[in-house]
Amino acid sequence: MYKIYKNILTKAQQKNLLSFVKKQVKDLGSDYPGLQSNPDLHEHKEMKDLMTNIKKYMKDTKVIKCWANYTDGSYILWHNHNSKYSIVYYLYNPEKIGVMFKLNDYDINYTEGEENSMIIFNSKDIHSVPNSFKKIKRYSIALESIFF
């Protein structure tokens, strides 16, 4: 169903990426939760370290969209994507809020989103981000990929 990988970047790489991402996120309107970047983040030179490390785990795939998310504890509604794989890299996530998957009408599977880790899953899986009643800053990077 999903696979989690840890220690994706060095602390210095992670710090540099967070600094870059903070400048990229903005309010894209009411159709987008929290703050997000444009979906071409993977094309920026500041993303090179992350993209290189993701390729170690995602051979024979190509990233087609990549964007950063900032939320303050609010949730992201249930959704899925029209690609092969979805990836979430947890850049800054002190409360370890992960992805939750809708298994059926009654069952939900929660994952933990440890900082500097990523989760890879089938993009067709219905997923969301749980809300928190605390105001929690969370930066993540979402990617969609296909086979090439």
N, C-alpha and C. Protein backbone atom coordinates (compact mmCIF):
# COMPACT_ATOMS: atom_id res chain seq x y z
N MET A 1 0.81 -1.20 0.00
CA MET A 1 0.00 0.00 0.00
C MET A 1 0.86 1.27 0.00
N TYR A 2 1.85 1.35 0.88
CA TYR A 2 2.76 2.48 0.89
C TYR A 2 4.11 2.03 1.43
N LYS A 3 5.12 2.85 1.16
CA LYS A 3 6.46 2.57 1.64
C LYS A 3 7.04 3.86 2.20
N ILE A 4 7.68 3.78 3.37
CA ILE A 4 8.28 4.95 4.01
C ILE A 4 9.80 4.82 3.98
N TYR A 5 10.48 5.91 3.63
CA TYR A 5 11.94 5.98 3.62
C TYR A 5 12.37 7.12 4.53
N LYS A 6 13.43 6.91 5.27
CA LYS A 6 13.89 7.91 6.24
C LYS A 6 15.26 8.47 5.86
N ASN A 7 15.61 9.60 6.48
CA ASN A 7 16.92 10.24 6.30
C ASN A 7 17.22 10.51 4.84
N ILE A 8 16.36 11.26 4.21
CA ILE A 8 16.46 11.54 2.77
C ILE A 8 17.55 12.57 2.48
N LEU A 9 17.64 13.61 3.29
CA LEU A 9 18.62 14.68 3.08
C LEU A 9 19.49 14.83 4.32
N THR A 10 20.63 15.48 4.15
CA THR A 10 21.44 15.86 5.31
C THR A 10 20.74 17.02 6.01
N LYS A 11 21.13 17.32 7.23
CA LYS A 11 20.53 18.44 7.97
C LYS A 11 20.75 19.76 7.23
N ALA A 12 21.93 19.94 6.65
CA ALA A 12 22.21 21.18 5.91
C ALA A 12 21.33 21.28 4.67
N GLN A 13 21.17 20.19 3.94
CA GLN A 13 20.31 20.19 2.75
C GLN A 13 18.86 20.48 3.14
N GLN A 14 18.43 19.87 4.22
CA GLN A 14 17.06 20.07 4.70
C GLN A 14 16.83 21.53 5.09
N LYS A 15 17.79 22.12 5.78
CA LYS A 15 17.68 23.53 6.19
C LYS A 15 17.62 24.45 4.96
N ASN A 16 18.47 24.20 3.97
CA ASN A 16 18.47 25.02 2.75
C ASN A 16 17.15 24.87 1.99
N LEU A 17 16.64 23.64 1.93
CA LEU A 17 15.39 23.40 1.22
C LEU A 17 14.22 24.10 1.93
N LEU A 18 14.19 24.05 3.24
CA LEU A 18 13.13 24.72 3.99
C LEU A 18 13.16 26.23 3.74
N SER A 19 14.34 26.81 3.72
CA SER A 19 14.47 28.24 3.45
C SER A 19 13.92 28.58 2.06
N PHE A 20 14.22 27.75 1.08
CA PHE A 20 13.72 27.94 -0.28
C PHE A 20 12.19 27.79 -0.33
N VAL A 21 11.68 26.74 0.27
CA VAL A 21 10.25 26.44 0.21
C VAL A 21 9.42 27.53 0.87
N LYS A 22 9.90 28.07 1.98
CA LYS A 22 9.16 29.14 2.67
C LYS A 22 8.91 30.33 1.76
N LYS A 23 9.81 30.57 0.81
CA LYS A 23 9.66 31.69 -0.13
C LYS A 23 8.74 31.35 -1.29
N GLN A 24 8.46 30.06 -1.50
CA GLN A 24 7.67 29.62 -2.65
C GLN A 24 6.17 29.50 -2.35
N VAL A 25 5.81 29.22 -1.10
CA VAL A 25 4.39 28.99 -0.80
C VAL A 25 3.63 30.30 -0.73
N LYS A 26 2.40 30.26 -1.19
CA LYS A 26 1.55 31.45 -1.22
C LYS A 26 0.09 31.00 -1.24
N ASP A 27 -0.81 31.93 -1.08
CA ASP A 27 -2.24 31.64 -1.13
C ASP A 27 -2.64 31.53 -2.60
N LEU A 28 -3.05 30.33 -3.00
CA LEU A 28 -3.47 30.11 -4.39
C LEU A 28 -4.99 30.17 -4.56
N GLY A 29 -5.68 30.57 -3.52
CA GLY A 29 -7.13 30.71 -3.60
C GLY A 29 -7.86 29.66 -2.77
N SER A 30 -9.16 29.77 -2.76
CA SER A 30 -9.98 28.93 -1.88
C SER A 30 -10.01 27.46 -2.28
N ASP A 31 -9.61 27.13 -3.48
CA ASP A 31 -9.57 25.72 -3.90
C ASP A 31 -8.34 24.98 -3.39
N TYR A 32 -7.42 25.70 -2.76
CA TYR A 32 -6.17 25.11 -2.29
C TYR A 32 -6.06 25.28 -0.78
N PRO A 33 -5.83 24.19 -0.06
CA PRO A 33 -5.71 24.31 1.40
C PRO A 33 -4.38 24.94 1.81
N GLY A 34 -4.39 25.69 2.89
CA GLY A 34 -3.16 26.28 3.41
C GLY A 34 -2.49 27.15 2.35
N LEU A 35 -1.17 27.12 2.36
CA LEU A 35 -0.38 27.80 1.35
C LEU A 35 0.30 26.75 0.50
N GLN A 36 0.43 26.99 -0.79
CA GLN A 36 1.08 26.05 -1.69
C GLN A 36 1.96 26.80 -2.68
N SER A 37 2.90 26.06 -3.25
CA SER A 37 3.71 26.62 -4.33
C SER A 37 3.06 26.22 -5.65
N ASN A 38 3.58 26.75 -6.71
CA ASN A 38 3.17 26.29 -8.03
C ASN A 38 3.65 24.85 -8.22
N PRO A 39 3.02 24.08 -9.12
CA PRO A 39 3.34 22.65 -9.26
C PRO A 39 4.59 22.33 -10.08
N ASP A 40 5.45 23.31 -10.29
CA ASP A 40 6.68 23.09 -11.05
C ASP A 40 7.93 23.18 -10.16
N LEU A 41 7.76 22.94 -8.89
CA LEU A 41 8.86 23.11 -7.93
C LEU A 41 10.07 22.26 -8.30
N HIS A 42 9.84 21.07 -8.85
CA HIS A 42 10.93 20.15 -9.20
C HIS A 42 11.86 20.70 -10.26
N GLU A 43 11.46 21.75 -10.95
CA GLU A 43 12.29 22.34 -12.00
C GLU A 43 13.28 23.38 -11.47
N HIS A 44 13.21 23.70 -10.20
CA HIS A 44 14.11 24.69 -9.59
C HIS A 44 15.42 24.03 -9.15
N LYS A 45 16.51 24.75 -9.32
CA LYS A 45 17.83 24.21 -8.96
C LYS A 45 17.93 23.90 -7.46
N GLU A 46 17.19 24.61 -6.65
CA GLU A 46 17.22 24.39 -5.20
C GLU A 46 16.64 23.02 -4.80
N MET A 47 15.98 22.38 -5.73
CA MET A 47 15.36 21.07 -5.48
C MET A 47 16.26 19.90 -5.89
N LYS A 48 17.44 20.20 -6.41
CA LYS A 48 18.30 19.16 -6.98
C LYS A 48 18.63 18.03 -5.99
N ASP A 49 19.01 18.38 -4.77
CA ASP A 49 19.38 17.34 -3.80
C ASP A 49 18.20 16.41 -3.51
N LEU A 50 17.02 16.97 -3.30
CA LEU A 50 15.86 16.15 -3.02
C LEU A 50 15.51 15.27 -4.23
N MET A 51 15.51 15.85 -5.40
CA MET A 51 15.16 15.09 -6.60
C MET A 51 16.16 13.96 -6.85
N THR A 52 17.44 14.22 -6.64
CA THR A 52 18.46 13.18 -6.80
C THR A 52 18.22 12.03 -5.82
N ASN A 53 17.93 12.35 -4.58
CA ASN A 53 17.70 11.31 -3.58
C ASN A 53 16.40 10.55 -3.81
N ILE A 54 15.37 11.20 -4.29
CA ILE A 54 14.12 10.50 -4.60
C ILE A 54 14.34 9.49 -5.72
N LYS A 55 15.16 9.83 -6.70
CA LYS A 55 15.41 8.92 -7.82
C LYS A 55 16.05 7.60 -7.37
N LYS A 56 16.71 7.61 -6.23
CA LYS A 56 17.27 6.37 -5.70
C LYS A 56 16.18 5.35 -5.40
N TYR A 57 15.01 5.85 -5.03
CA TYR A 57 13.89 4.99 -4.64
C TYR A 57 12.84 4.85 -5.74
N MET A 58 12.88 5.73 -6.71
CA MET A 58 11.85 5.76 -7.75
C MET A 58 12.48 5.60 -9.13
N LYS A 59 13.17 4.50 -9.34
CA LYS A 59 13.79 4.24 -10.63
C LYS A 59 12.70 4.06 -11.69
N ASP A 60 13.01 4.41 -12.91
CA ASP A 60 12.11 4.26 -14.06
C ASP A 60 10.83 5.07 -13.93
N THR A 61 10.86 6.14 -13.15
CA THR A 61 9.71 7.04 -13.07
C THR A 61 10.17 8.47 -13.32
N LYS A 62 9.23 9.28 -13.68
CA LYS A 62 9.51 10.70 -13.95
C LYS A 62 8.52 11.54 -13.15
N VAL A 63 9.02 12.54 -12.46
CA VAL A 63 8.16 13.46 -11.72
C VAL A 63 7.48 14.39 -12.72
N ILE A 64 6.16 14.47 -12.62
CA ILE A 64 5.40 15.33 -13.54
C ILE A 64 4.85 16.58 -12.85
N LYS A 65 4.70 16.51 -11.52
CA LYS A 65 4.26 17.66 -10.73
C LYS A 65 4.95 17.61 -9.38
N CYS A 66 5.23 18.78 -8.85
CA CYS A 66 5.84 18.85 -7.53
C CYS A 66 5.49 20.21 -6.94
N TRP A 67 4.98 20.19 -5.70
CA TRP A 67 4.61 21.44 -5.06
C TRP A 67 4.85 21.34 -3.56
N ALA A 68 5.04 22.47 -2.95
CA ALA A 68 5.22 22.54 -1.50
C ALA A 68 3.89 22.91 -0.86
N ASN A 69 3.68 22.41 0.35
CA ASN A 69 2.49 22.72 1.14
C ASN A 69 2.92 23.30 2.47
N TYR A 70 2.17 24.28 2.92
CA TYR A 70 2.30 24.76 4.30
C TYR A 70 0.91 24.74 4.89
N THR A 71 0.77 24.07 6.03
CA THR A 71 -0.49 24.11 6.76
C THR A 71 -0.19 24.44 8.21
N ASP A 72 -1.20 24.93 8.89
CA ASP A 72 -1.05 25.31 10.30
C ASP A 72 -1.92 24.44 11.19
N GLY A 73 -2.12 23.20 10.79
CA GLY A 73 -2.95 22.28 11.55
C GLY A 73 -4.26 21.98 10.86
N SER A 74 -4.56 22.71 9.79
CA SER A 74 -5.80 22.43 9.06
C SER A 74 -5.63 21.18 8.21
N TYR A 75 -6.73 20.60 7.81
CA TYR A 75 -6.71 19.35 7.07
C TYR A 75 -6.73 19.60 5.57
N ILE A 76 -6.47 18.55 4.83
CA ILE A 76 -6.61 18.55 3.38
C ILE A 76 -7.68 17.51 3.08
N LEU A 77 -8.68 17.87 2.31
CA LEU A 77 -9.81 16.98 2.04
C LEU A 77 -9.38 15.69 1.33
N TRP A 78 -10.24 14.67 1.42
CA TRP A 78 -10.00 13.40 0.74
C TRP A 78 -9.85 13.64 -0.75
N HIS A 79 -8.86 13.00 -1.34
CA HIS A 79 -8.62 13.15 -2.77
C HIS A 79 -7.70 12.02 -3.25
N ASN A 80 -7.51 11.97 -4.55
CA ASN A 80 -6.48 11.12 -5.16
C ASN A 80 -5.93 11.86 -6.37
N HIS A 81 -4.98 11.24 -7.06
CA HIS A 81 -4.32 11.90 -8.18
C HIS A 81 -4.37 11.01 -9.41
N ASN A 82 -4.18 11.62 -10.56
CA ASN A 82 -4.22 10.91 -11.83
C ASN A 82 -2.79 10.67 -12.34
N SER A 83 -2.02 9.93 -11.57
CA SER A 83 -0.66 9.57 -11.94
C SER A 83 -0.40 8.18 -11.38
N LYS A 84 0.80 7.68 -11.49
CA LYS A 84 1.11 6.34 -10.97
C LYS A 84 1.40 6.38 -9.47
N TYR A 85 2.35 7.23 -9.07
CA TYR A 85 2.76 7.30 -7.67
C TYR A 85 2.63 8.71 -7.13
N SER A 86 2.34 8.78 -5.85
CA SER A 86 2.39 10.04 -5.11
C SER A 86 3.49 9.90 -4.06
N ILE A 87 4.17 10.98 -3.82
CA ILE A 87 5.25 11.02 -2.84
C ILE A 87 5.02 12.24 -1.96
N VAL A 88 5.19 12.07 -0.67
CA VAL A 88 5.16 13.21 0.25
C VAL A 88 6.48 13.18 1.02
N TYR A 89 7.21 14.28 0.93
CA TYR A 89 8.44 14.45 1.70
C TYR A 89 8.12 15.40 2.84
N TYR A 90 8.41 14.98 4.07
CA TYR A 90 8.12 15.77 5.26
C TYR A 90 9.34 16.62 5.60
N LEU A 91 9.27 17.87 5.23
CA LEU A 91 10.39 18.79 5.39
C LEU A 91 10.45 19.35 6.82
N TYR A 92 9.35 19.86 7.30
CA TYR A 92 9.27 20.37 8.67
C TYR A 92 7.93 19.91 9.23
N ASN A 93 7.98 19.03 10.22
CA ASN A 93 6.76 18.39 10.70
C ASN A 93 6.94 17.92 12.14
N PRO A 94 7.09 18.86 13.08
CA PRO A 94 7.42 18.48 14.46
C PRO A 94 6.38 17.58 15.14
N GLU A 95 5.13 17.62 14.70
CA GLU A 95 4.10 16.78 15.30
C GLU A 95 3.93 15.44 14.58
N LYS A 96 4.74 15.22 13.54
CA LYS A 96 4.75 13.96 12.78
C LYS A 96 3.39 13.62 12.17
N ILE A 97 2.68 14.65 11.71
CA ILE A 97 1.39 14.42 11.06
C ILE A 97 1.66 13.83 9.68
N GLY A 98 1.10 12.67 9.41
CA GLY A 98 1.33 11.97 8.16
C GLY A 98 0.13 12.00 7.24
N VAL A 99 0.04 10.98 6.42
CA VAL A 99 -1.06 10.81 5.49
C VAL A 99 -2.04 9.82 6.11
N MET A 100 -3.31 10.02 5.85
CA MET A 100 -4.27 9.00 6.22
C MET A 100 -4.93 8.49 4.94
N PHE A 101 -5.14 7.18 4.91
CA PHE A 101 -5.70 6.52 3.73
C PHE A 101 -7.09 5.99 4.06
N LYS A 102 -8.00 6.21 3.15
CA LYS A 102 -9.36 5.70 3.30
C LYS A 102 -9.38 4.29 2.71
N LEU A 103 -9.55 3.29 3.56
CA LEU A 103 -9.53 1.90 3.11
C LEU A 103 -10.91 1.47 2.60
N ASN A 104 -11.97 1.95 3.24
CA ASN A 104 -13.35 1.71 2.82
C ASN A 104 -14.20 2.75 3.54
N ASP A 105 -15.52 2.55 3.56
CA ASP A 105 -16.40 3.55 4.18
C ASP A 105 -16.20 3.70 5.69
N TYR A 106 -15.55 2.71 6.32
CA TYR A 106 -15.44 2.71 7.77
C TYR A 106 -14.01 2.72 8.31
N ASP A 107 -13.06 2.33 7.50
CA ASP A 107 -11.70 2.14 7.99
C ASP A 107 -10.73 3.14 7.38
N ILE A 108 -9.88 3.69 8.25
CA ILE A 108 -8.85 4.65 7.85
C ILE A 108 -7.52 4.18 8.42
N ASN A 109 -6.47 4.28 7.63
CA ASN A 109 -5.13 3.93 8.07
C ASN A 109 -4.32 5.23 8.19
N TYR A 110 -3.76 5.48 9.38
CA TYR A 110 -2.97 6.68 9.63
C TYR A 110 -1.48 6.33 9.56
N THR A 111 -0.70 7.21 8.96
CA THR A 111 0.75 7.04 8.94
C THR A 111 1.39 8.18 9.73
N GLU A 112 2.63 7.98 10.09
CA GLU A 112 3.38 9.01 10.80
C GLU A 112 4.32 9.68 9.81
N GLY A 113 4.39 11.00 9.86
CA GLY A 113 5.22 11.77 8.94
C GLY A 113 6.45 12.34 9.63
N GLU A 114 7.41 11.49 9.88
CA GLU A 114 8.64 11.94 10.54
C GLU A 114 9.40 12.91 9.63
N GLU A 115 9.93 13.98 10.23
CA GLU A 115 10.72 14.94 9.43
C GLU A 115 11.85 14.22 8.72
N ASN A 116 12.13 14.70 7.50
CA ASN A 116 13.21 14.19 6.65
C ASN A 116 12.94 12.75 6.21
N SER A 117 11.66 12.39 6.15
CA SER A 117 11.28 11.09 5.59
C SER A 117 10.31 11.34 4.46
N MET A 118 10.04 10.29 3.68
CA MET A 118 9.05 10.40 2.62
C MET A 118 8.24 9.12 2.56
N ILE A 119 7.03 9.28 2.08
CA ILE A 119 6.14 8.16 1.86
C ILE A 119 5.80 8.11 0.37
N ILE A 120 5.81 6.91 -0.17
CA ILE A 120 5.47 6.69 -1.58
C ILE A 120 4.26 5.77 -1.60
N PHE A 121 3.25 6.14 -2.38
CA PHE A 121 2.03 5.32 -2.46
C PHE A 121 1.38 5.47 -3.83
N ASN A 122 0.45 4.58 -4.11
CA ASN A 122 -0.29 4.62 -5.37
C ASN A 122 -1.15 5.88 -5.40
N SER A 123 -1.03 6.66 -6.44
CA SER A 123 -1.76 7.93 -6.54
C SER A 123 -3.27 7.77 -6.55
N LYS A 124 -3.73 6.61 -6.94
CA LYS A 124 -5.18 6.37 -6.99
C LYS A 124 -5.77 6.14 -5.60
N ASP A 125 -4.92 5.84 -4.60
CA ASP A 125 -5.41 5.64 -3.24
C ASP A 125 -6.02 6.93 -2.71
N ILE A 126 -7.18 6.84 -2.13
CA ILE A 126 -7.84 8.01 -1.57
C ILE A 126 -7.14 8.35 -0.25
N HIS A 127 -6.68 9.58 -0.15
CA HIS A 127 -5.88 9.99 1.00
C HIS A 127 -6.19 11.42 1.42
N SER A 128 -5.70 11.77 2.58
CA SER A 128 -5.93 13.08 3.16
C SER A 128 -4.85 13.36 4.21
N VAL A 129 -4.92 14.53 4.78
CA VAL A 129 -4.06 14.89 5.91
C VAL A 129 -4.99 15.20 7.08
N PRO A 130 -4.79 14.55 8.21
CA PRO A 130 -5.67 14.83 9.35
C PRO A 130 -5.47 16.24 9.88
N ASN A 131 -6.53 16.79 10.46
CA ASN A 131 -6.40 18.11 11.05
C ASN A 131 -5.90 17.99 12.48
N SER A 132 -5.46 19.10 12.99
CA SER A 132 -5.00 19.16 14.37
C SER A 132 -5.70 20.36 15.01
N PHE A 133 -6.09 20.22 16.24
CA PHE A 133 -6.74 21.33 16.91
C PHE A 133 -5.73 22.34 17.43
N LYS A 134 -4.45 21.97 17.38
CA LYS A 134 -3.38 22.91 17.72
C LYS A 134 -2.96 23.64 16.44
N LYS A 135 -2.41 24.81 16.60
CA LYS A 135 -1.83 25.52 15.46
C LYS A 135 -0.42 24.98 15.27
N ILE A 136 -0.23 24.15 14.27
CA ILE A 136 1.03 23.45 14.04
C ILE A 136 1.56 23.80 12.65
N LYS A 137 2.74 24.33 12.60
CA LYS A 137 3.37 24.60 11.30
C LYS A 137 3.87 23.29 10.72
N ARG A 138 3.57 23.07 9.44
CA ARG A 138 3.96 21.84 8.77
C ARG A 138 4.30 22.18 7.32
N TYR A 139 5.52 21.87 6.92
CA TYR A 139 5.93 22.04 5.53
C TYR A 139 6.18 20.65 4.95
N SER A 140 5.58 20.40 3.80
CA SER A 140 5.81 19.15 3.09
C SER A 140 5.94 19.45 1.61
N ILE A 141 6.49 18.48 0.90
CA ILE A 141 6.61 18.59 -0.55
C ILE A 141 5.91 17.38 -1.14
N ALA A 142 4.97 17.63 -2.03
CA ALA A 142 4.21 16.56 -2.68
C ALA A 142 4.67 16.44 -4.13
N LEU A 143 4.75 15.20 -4.58
CA LEU A 143 5.18 14.93 -5.95
C LEU A 143 4.26 13.89 -6.58
N GLU A 144 4.08 13.99 -7.87
CA GLU A 144 3.39 12.96 -8.65
C GLU A 144 4.37 12.46 -9.69
N SER A 145 4.37 11.14 -9.91
CA SER A 145 5.28 10.59 -10.91
C SER A 145 4.58 9.55 -11.77
N ILE A 146 5.17 9.30 -12.92
CA ILE A 146 4.69 8.29 -13.86
C ILE A 146 5.88 7.45 -14.31
N PHE A 147 5.59 6.29 -14.90
CA PHE A 147 6.65 5.49 -15.51
C PHE A 147 7.08 6.14 -16.81
N PHE A 148 8.36 5.97 -17.19
CA PHE A 148 8.80 6.44 -18.51
C PHE A 148 9.49 5.34 -19.25
